[in-house]
Structure formats: structure tokens, C-alpha cells
Amino acid sequence: MGLYGQRVGCLSVVCEDDKQAVAVKRKLQQLARPMYSNPPVHGALVVSTILGDPNLKNLWLGEGMADRIIGMRTSLRENLEKLGSPLSWEHITNQIGMFCYSGMTPEQVDRFTKEYHIYMTRNGRISMAGVTTGNVGYLAKAIHEVTKSA
């Protein structure tokens, strides 16, 4: 969860046994103590309120995921247009939900998988949940290369 201007977060450490857990906890307390003697509480209370209420948590998860997927749809379309694709990609941003029908043929999907190692159903359905800022450019380039002669 991102909460601007507030110190919220969690550090998780997996230990082999209780003895190691006690030692790690002691060391982390020693490291944290000089940084602040009384950490801010407002951000932690906001997070606790949202994550502690099932309705608020579901609302937060839904809005966050929806906004991210909408952003990835926009980014994918913009990347395809910047590459000079002769095709219209409006359908990418006109659709809603976690999946996007690319319009690729089964033959194009096969080539896409073989050459770019990106997997989708043969009807061209892309899982937008798997598209990130780190891979959207590669995805767009692969789609462009496979569809530019269509």
C-alpha cells in the first residue's frame, strides 16, 4: 500500500528457528532505535483501518487493480501507436476488465509464443494482470512485429 507522506510498511524476515528469530528481532530493534524513538502513528492507523475492515479492503484492492489495469491498457496502446502500427488499437482501451482481446489470429499467437515467449490463449486473449511497466514495451514490440504484416 502506498500512502504518500506517511511512514507505513512492513519488513518480514523468515528465520530457521525461534533462536534466530529472537536474534534478528533484537538486531532490528537496535537498528531502528536511533532512527526514531516514537515513530509516527497516523499512517499505520489509516492502513490498519483499511486492512482491518473487509469492505474497505475489498474496495481498496478493487480500485487499485482497476486503475493499474486501465493504465496498462493505455500504455500498451500508446506503445503500439508509437511503433507506427498500421492497425487501430482503440479496442484495447475500449475494453474493460482483466482480459484484453488483441484481435490476433491463432497463427499470429503461435508466432508470438514461438518468437517472443509470451503466452496467451489462441484466440488472442491477453491477461492484463500480467502486464507491468517493466514488460509493456516488450509486449507492444512483439505484438507490433507479429501483426504489422496483417
C-alpha atoms as a PDB file:
ATOM      1  CA  MET A   1       0.000   0.000   0.000  1.00  0.00           C
ATOM      2  CA  GLY A   2       1.334   3.431  -0.870  1.00  0.00           C
ATOM      3  CA  LEU A   3       0.391   6.229   1.482  1.00  0.00           C
ATOM      4  CA  TYR A   4       2.062   9.461   0.449  1.00  0.00           C
ATOM      5  CA  GLY A   5       3.952  11.332   3.146  1.00  0.00           C
ATOM      6  CA  GLN A   6       3.408   8.635   5.764  1.00  0.00           C
ATOM      7  CA  ARG A   7       5.774   6.015   7.058  1.00  0.00           C
ATOM      8  CA  VAL A   8       3.979   2.732   6.564  1.00  0.00           C
ATOM      9  CA  GLY A   9       5.468  -0.577   5.661  1.00  0.00           C
ATOM     10  CA  CYS A  10       6.486  -3.966   6.823  1.00  0.00           C
ATOM     11  CA  LEU A  11       9.733  -5.856   6.921  1.00  0.00           C
ATOM     12  CA  SER A  12       9.353  -9.623   7.021  1.00  0.00           C
ATOM     13  CA  VAL A  13      12.239 -11.910   7.844  1.00  0.00           C
ATOM     14  CA  VAL A  14      11.976 -15.686   7.607  1.00  0.00           C
ATOM     15  CA  CYS A  15      14.116 -17.394  10.227  1.00  0.00           C
ATOM     16  CA  GLU A  16      15.147 -21.010  10.621  1.00  0.00           C
ATOM     17  CA  ASP A  17      14.113 -21.273  14.267  1.00  0.00           C
ATOM     18  CA  ASP A  18      12.984 -19.336  17.360  1.00  0.00           C
ATOM     19  CA  LYS A  19      16.551 -18.641  18.472  1.00  0.00           C
ATOM     20  CA  GLN A  20      17.399 -16.989  15.165  1.00  0.00           C
ATOM     21  CA  ALA A  21      14.102 -15.055  15.227  1.00  0.00           C
ATOM     22  CA  VAL A  22      14.940 -13.604  18.653  1.00  0.00           C
ATOM     23  CA  ALA A  23      18.423 -12.583  17.474  1.00  0.00           C
ATOM     24  CA  VAL A  24      17.075 -10.957  14.300  1.00  0.00           C
ATOM     25  CA  LYS A  25      14.384  -9.095  16.237  1.00  0.00           C
ATOM     26  CA  ARG A  26      16.951  -7.797  18.732  1.00  0.00           C
ATOM     27  CA  LYS A  27      19.232  -6.582  15.930  1.00  0.00           C
ATOM     28  CA  LEU A  28      16.380  -4.862  14.073  1.00  0.00           C
ATOM     29  CA  GLN A  29      15.326  -3.106  17.280  1.00  0.00           C
ATOM     30  CA  GLN A  30      18.905  -1.897  17.771  1.00  0.00           C
ATOM     31  CA  LEU A  31      18.961  -0.556  14.213  1.00  0.00           C
ATOM     32  CA  ALA A  32      15.567   1.142  14.460  1.00  0.00           C
ATOM     33  CA  ARG A  33      16.023   2.791  17.873  1.00  0.00           C
ATOM     34  CA  PRO A  34      18.472   5.533  16.791  1.00  0.00           C
ATOM     35  CA  MET A  35      16.267   6.435  13.812  1.00  0.00           C
ATOM     36  CA  TYR A  36      13.267   7.375  15.915  1.00  0.00           C
ATOM     37  CA  SER A  37      12.166   6.918  19.482  1.00  0.00           C
ATOM     38  CA  ASN A  38       8.488   7.453  18.757  1.00  0.00           C
ATOM     39  CA  PRO A  39       7.535   6.506  15.196  1.00  0.00           C
ATOM     40  CA  PRO A  40       4.625   8.311  13.523  1.00  0.00           C
ATOM     41  CA  VAL A  41       1.299   6.566  14.058  1.00  0.00           C
ATOM     42  CA  HIS A  42      -1.114   8.271  11.634  1.00  0.00           C
ATOM     43  CA  GLY A  43      -0.178   6.241   8.547  1.00  0.00           C
ATOM     44  CA  ALA A  44      -0.247   2.982  10.483  1.00  0.00           C
ATOM     45  CA  LEU A  45      -3.734   3.788  11.785  1.00  0.00           C
ATOM     46  CA  VAL A  46      -5.009   4.534   8.268  1.00  0.00           C
ATOM     47  CA  VAL A  47      -3.587   1.247   6.962  1.00  0.00           C
ATOM     48  CA  SER A  48      -4.944  -0.655   9.965  1.00  0.00           C
ATOM     49  CA  THR A  49      -8.415   0.805   9.441  1.00  0.00           C
ATOM     50  CA  ILE A  50      -8.491  -0.090   5.737  1.00  0.00           C
ATOM     51  CA  LEU A  51      -6.965  -3.555   6.008  1.00  0.00           C
ATOM     52  CA  GLY A  52      -8.940  -4.363   9.167  1.00  0.00           C
ATOM     53  CA  ASP A  53     -12.331  -3.782   7.542  1.00  0.00           C
ATOM     54  CA  PRO A  54     -13.198  -6.393   4.872  1.00  0.00           C
ATOM     55  CA  ASN A  55     -15.401  -3.941   2.933  1.00  0.00           C
ATOM     56  CA  LEU A  56     -12.762  -1.189   2.884  1.00  0.00           C
ATOM     57  CA  LYS A  57     -10.042  -3.698   1.996  1.00  0.00           C
ATOM     58  CA  ASN A  58     -12.047  -5.054  -0.958  1.00  0.00           C
ATOM     59  CA  LEU A  59     -12.786  -1.521  -2.142  1.00  0.00           C
ATOM     60  CA  TRP A  60      -9.079  -0.608  -1.915  1.00  0.00           C
ATOM     61  CA  LEU A  61      -7.997  -3.766  -3.738  1.00  0.00           C
ATOM     62  CA  GLY A  62     -10.610  -3.314  -6.460  1.00  0.00           C
ATOM     63  CA  GLU A  63      -9.820   0.332  -7.145  1.00  0.00           C
ATOM     64  CA  GLY A  64      -6.077  -0.227  -7.110  1.00  0.00           C
ATOM     65  CA  MET A  65      -6.205  -3.151  -9.513  1.00  0.00           C
ATOM     66  CA  ALA A  66      -8.722  -1.465 -11.815  1.00  0.00           C
ATOM     67  CA  ASP A  67      -6.640   1.715 -12.055  1.00  0.00           C
ATOM     68  CA  ARG A  68      -3.462  -0.270 -12.720  1.00  0.00           C
ATOM     69  CA  ILE A  69      -5.071  -2.333 -15.475  1.00  0.00           C
ATOM     70  CA  ILE A  70      -6.559   0.770 -17.111  1.00  0.00           C
ATOM     71  CA  GLY A  71      -3.091   2.341 -17.036  1.00  0.00           C
ATOM     72  CA  MET A  72      -1.515  -0.750 -18.607  1.00  0.00           C
ATOM     73  CA  ARG A  73      -4.158  -0.784 -21.360  1.00  0.00           C
ATOM     74  CA  THR A  74      -3.395   2.863 -22.130  1.00  0.00           C
ATOM     75  CA  SER A  75       0.349   2.244 -22.079  1.00  0.00           C
ATOM     76  CA  LEU A  76       0.070  -0.793 -24.359  1.00  0.00           C
ATOM     77  CA  ARG A  77      -1.985   1.141 -26.894  1.00  0.00           C
ATOM     78  CA  GLU A  78       0.354   4.159 -26.766  1.00  0.00           C
ATOM     79  CA  ASN A  79       3.399   1.918 -27.256  1.00  0.00           C
ATOM     80  CA  LEU A  80       1.808   0.228 -30.278  1.00  0.00           C
ATOM     81  CA  GLU A  81       0.927   3.591 -31.804  1.00  0.00           C
ATOM     82  CA  LYS A  82       4.452   4.946 -31.195  1.00  0.00           C
ATOM     83  CA  LEU A  83       5.872   1.921 -33.011  1.00  0.00           C
ATOM     84  CA  GLY A  84       3.922   3.023 -36.069  1.00  0.00           C
ATOM     85  CA  SER A  85       1.490   0.141 -36.187  1.00  0.00           C
ATOM     86  CA  PRO A  86      -0.815   0.478 -39.193  1.00  0.00           C
ATOM     87  CA  LEU A  87      -3.638  -1.137 -37.203  1.00  0.00           C
ATOM     88  CA  SER A  88      -6.145   0.519 -34.901  1.00  0.00           C
ATOM     89  CA  TRP A  89      -5.677  -0.409 -31.261  1.00  0.00           C
ATOM     90  CA  GLU A  90      -8.648   1.502 -29.836  1.00  0.00           C
ATOM     91  CA  HIS A  91     -10.239  -1.775 -28.779  1.00  0.00           C
ATOM     92  CA  ILE A  92      -7.504  -2.205 -26.157  1.00  0.00           C
ATOM     93  CA  THR A  93      -8.612   0.890 -24.253  1.00  0.00           C
ATOM     94  CA  ASN A  94     -12.310   0.474 -25.075  1.00  0.00           C
ATOM     95  CA  GLN A  95     -12.454  -2.902 -23.326  1.00  0.00           C
ATOM     96  CA  ILE A  96     -12.694  -3.262 -19.558  1.00  0.00           C
ATOM     97  CA  GLY A  97     -11.648  -5.974 -17.149  1.00  0.00           C
ATOM     98  CA  MET A  98      -8.628  -8.154 -16.568  1.00  0.00           C
ATOM     99  CA  PHE A  99      -8.513  -9.603 -20.069  1.00  0.00           C
ATOM    100  CA  CYS A 100      -7.993  -7.977 -23.443  1.00  0.00           C
ATOM    101  CA  TYR A 101      -8.865  -9.468 -26.792  1.00  0.00           C
ATOM    102  CA  SER A 102      -5.962  -8.448 -29.013  1.00  0.00           C
ATOM    103  CA  GLY A 103      -7.538  -9.381 -32.327  1.00  0.00           C
ATOM    104  CA  MET A 104      -4.578 -11.606 -33.153  1.00  0.00           C
ATOM    105  CA  THR A 105      -5.251 -14.737 -35.188  1.00  0.00           C
ATOM    106  CA  PRO A 106      -4.315 -18.204 -33.882  1.00  0.00           C
ATOM    107  CA  GLU A 107      -1.399 -18.241 -36.346  1.00  0.00           C
ATOM    108  CA  GLN A 108      -0.151 -14.881 -35.056  1.00  0.00           C
ATOM    109  CA  VAL A 109      -0.471 -16.118 -31.461  1.00  0.00           C
ATOM    110  CA  ASP A 110       1.599 -19.189 -32.349  1.00  0.00           C
ATOM    111  CA  ARG A 111       4.327 -16.992 -33.839  1.00  0.00           C
ATOM    112  CA  PHE A 112       4.082 -14.642 -30.859  1.00  0.00           C
ATOM    113  CA  THR A 113       4.659 -17.525 -28.455  1.00  0.00           C
ATOM    114  CA  LYS A 114       7.435 -19.141 -30.500  1.00  0.00           C
ATOM    115  CA  GLU A 115       9.439 -15.980 -31.212  1.00  0.00           C
ATOM    116  CA  TYR A 116       8.783 -13.848 -28.116  1.00  0.00           C
ATOM    117  CA  HIS A 117       7.949 -16.465 -25.452  1.00  0.00           C
ATOM    118  CA  ILE A 118       4.806 -14.623 -24.451  1.00  0.00           C
ATOM    119  CA  TYR A 119       1.847 -16.874 -23.792  1.00  0.00           C
ATOM    120  CA  MET A 120      -1.854 -16.249 -24.298  1.00  0.00           C
ATOM    121  CA  THR A 121      -4.880 -18.195 -25.418  1.00  0.00           C
ATOM    122  CA  ARG A 122      -5.010 -18.941 -29.152  1.00  0.00           C
ATOM    123  CA  ASN A 123      -7.967 -16.594 -29.560  1.00  0.00           C
ATOM    124  CA  GLY A 124      -5.616 -13.705 -28.743  1.00  0.00           C
ATOM    125  CA  ARG A 125      -6.817 -13.038 -25.205  1.00  0.00           C
ATOM    126  CA  ILE A 126      -4.184 -11.266 -23.085  1.00  0.00           C
ATOM    127  CA  SER A 127      -4.234 -11.299 -19.278  1.00  0.00           C
ATOM    128  CA  MET A 128      -3.794  -7.613 -18.451  1.00  0.00           C
ATOM    129  CA  ALA A 129      -2.997  -8.509 -14.836  1.00  0.00           C
ATOM    130  CA  GLY A 130       0.367  -9.807 -16.080  1.00  0.00           C
ATOM    131  CA  VAL A 131       1.255  -6.604 -17.935  1.00  0.00           C
ATOM    132  CA  THR A 132       3.569  -4.290 -15.990  1.00  0.00           C
ATOM    133  CA  THR A 133       5.517  -1.105 -16.589  1.00  0.00           C
ATOM    134  CA  GLY A 134       8.562  -3.348 -16.910  1.00  0.00           C
ATOM    135  CA  ASN A 135       7.205  -5.529 -19.715  1.00  0.00           C
ATOM    136  CA  VAL A 136       4.615  -3.438 -21.571  1.00  0.00           C
ATOM    137  CA  GLY A 137       7.193  -2.125 -24.062  1.00  0.00           C
ATOM    138  CA  TYR A 138       8.367  -5.642 -24.911  1.00  0.00           C
ATOM    139  CA  LEU A 139       4.767  -6.806 -25.246  1.00  0.00           C
ATOM    140  CA  ALA A 140       3.924  -3.926 -27.596  1.00  0.00           C
ATOM    141  CA  LYS A 141       7.017  -4.562 -29.731  1.00  0.00           C
ATOM    142  CA  ALA A 142       6.161  -8.249 -30.006  1.00  0.00           C
ATOM    143  CA  ILE A 143       2.540  -7.526 -30.944  1.00  0.00           C
ATOM    144  CA  HIS A 144       3.697  -4.959 -33.489  1.00  0.00           C
ATOM    145  CA  GLU A 145       6.196  -7.316 -35.114  1.00  0.00           C
ATOM    146  CA  VAL A 146       3.682 -10.154 -35.356  1.00  0.00           C
ATOM    147  CA  THR A 147       0.784  -8.027 -36.637  1.00  0.00           C
ATOM    148  CA  LYS A 148       2.482  -5.447 -38.866  1.00  0.00           C
ATOM    149  CA  SER A 149       2.081  -7.555 -41.993  1.00  0.00           C
ATOM    150  CA  ALA A 150      -1.585  -8.315 -41.286  1.00  0.00           C
END
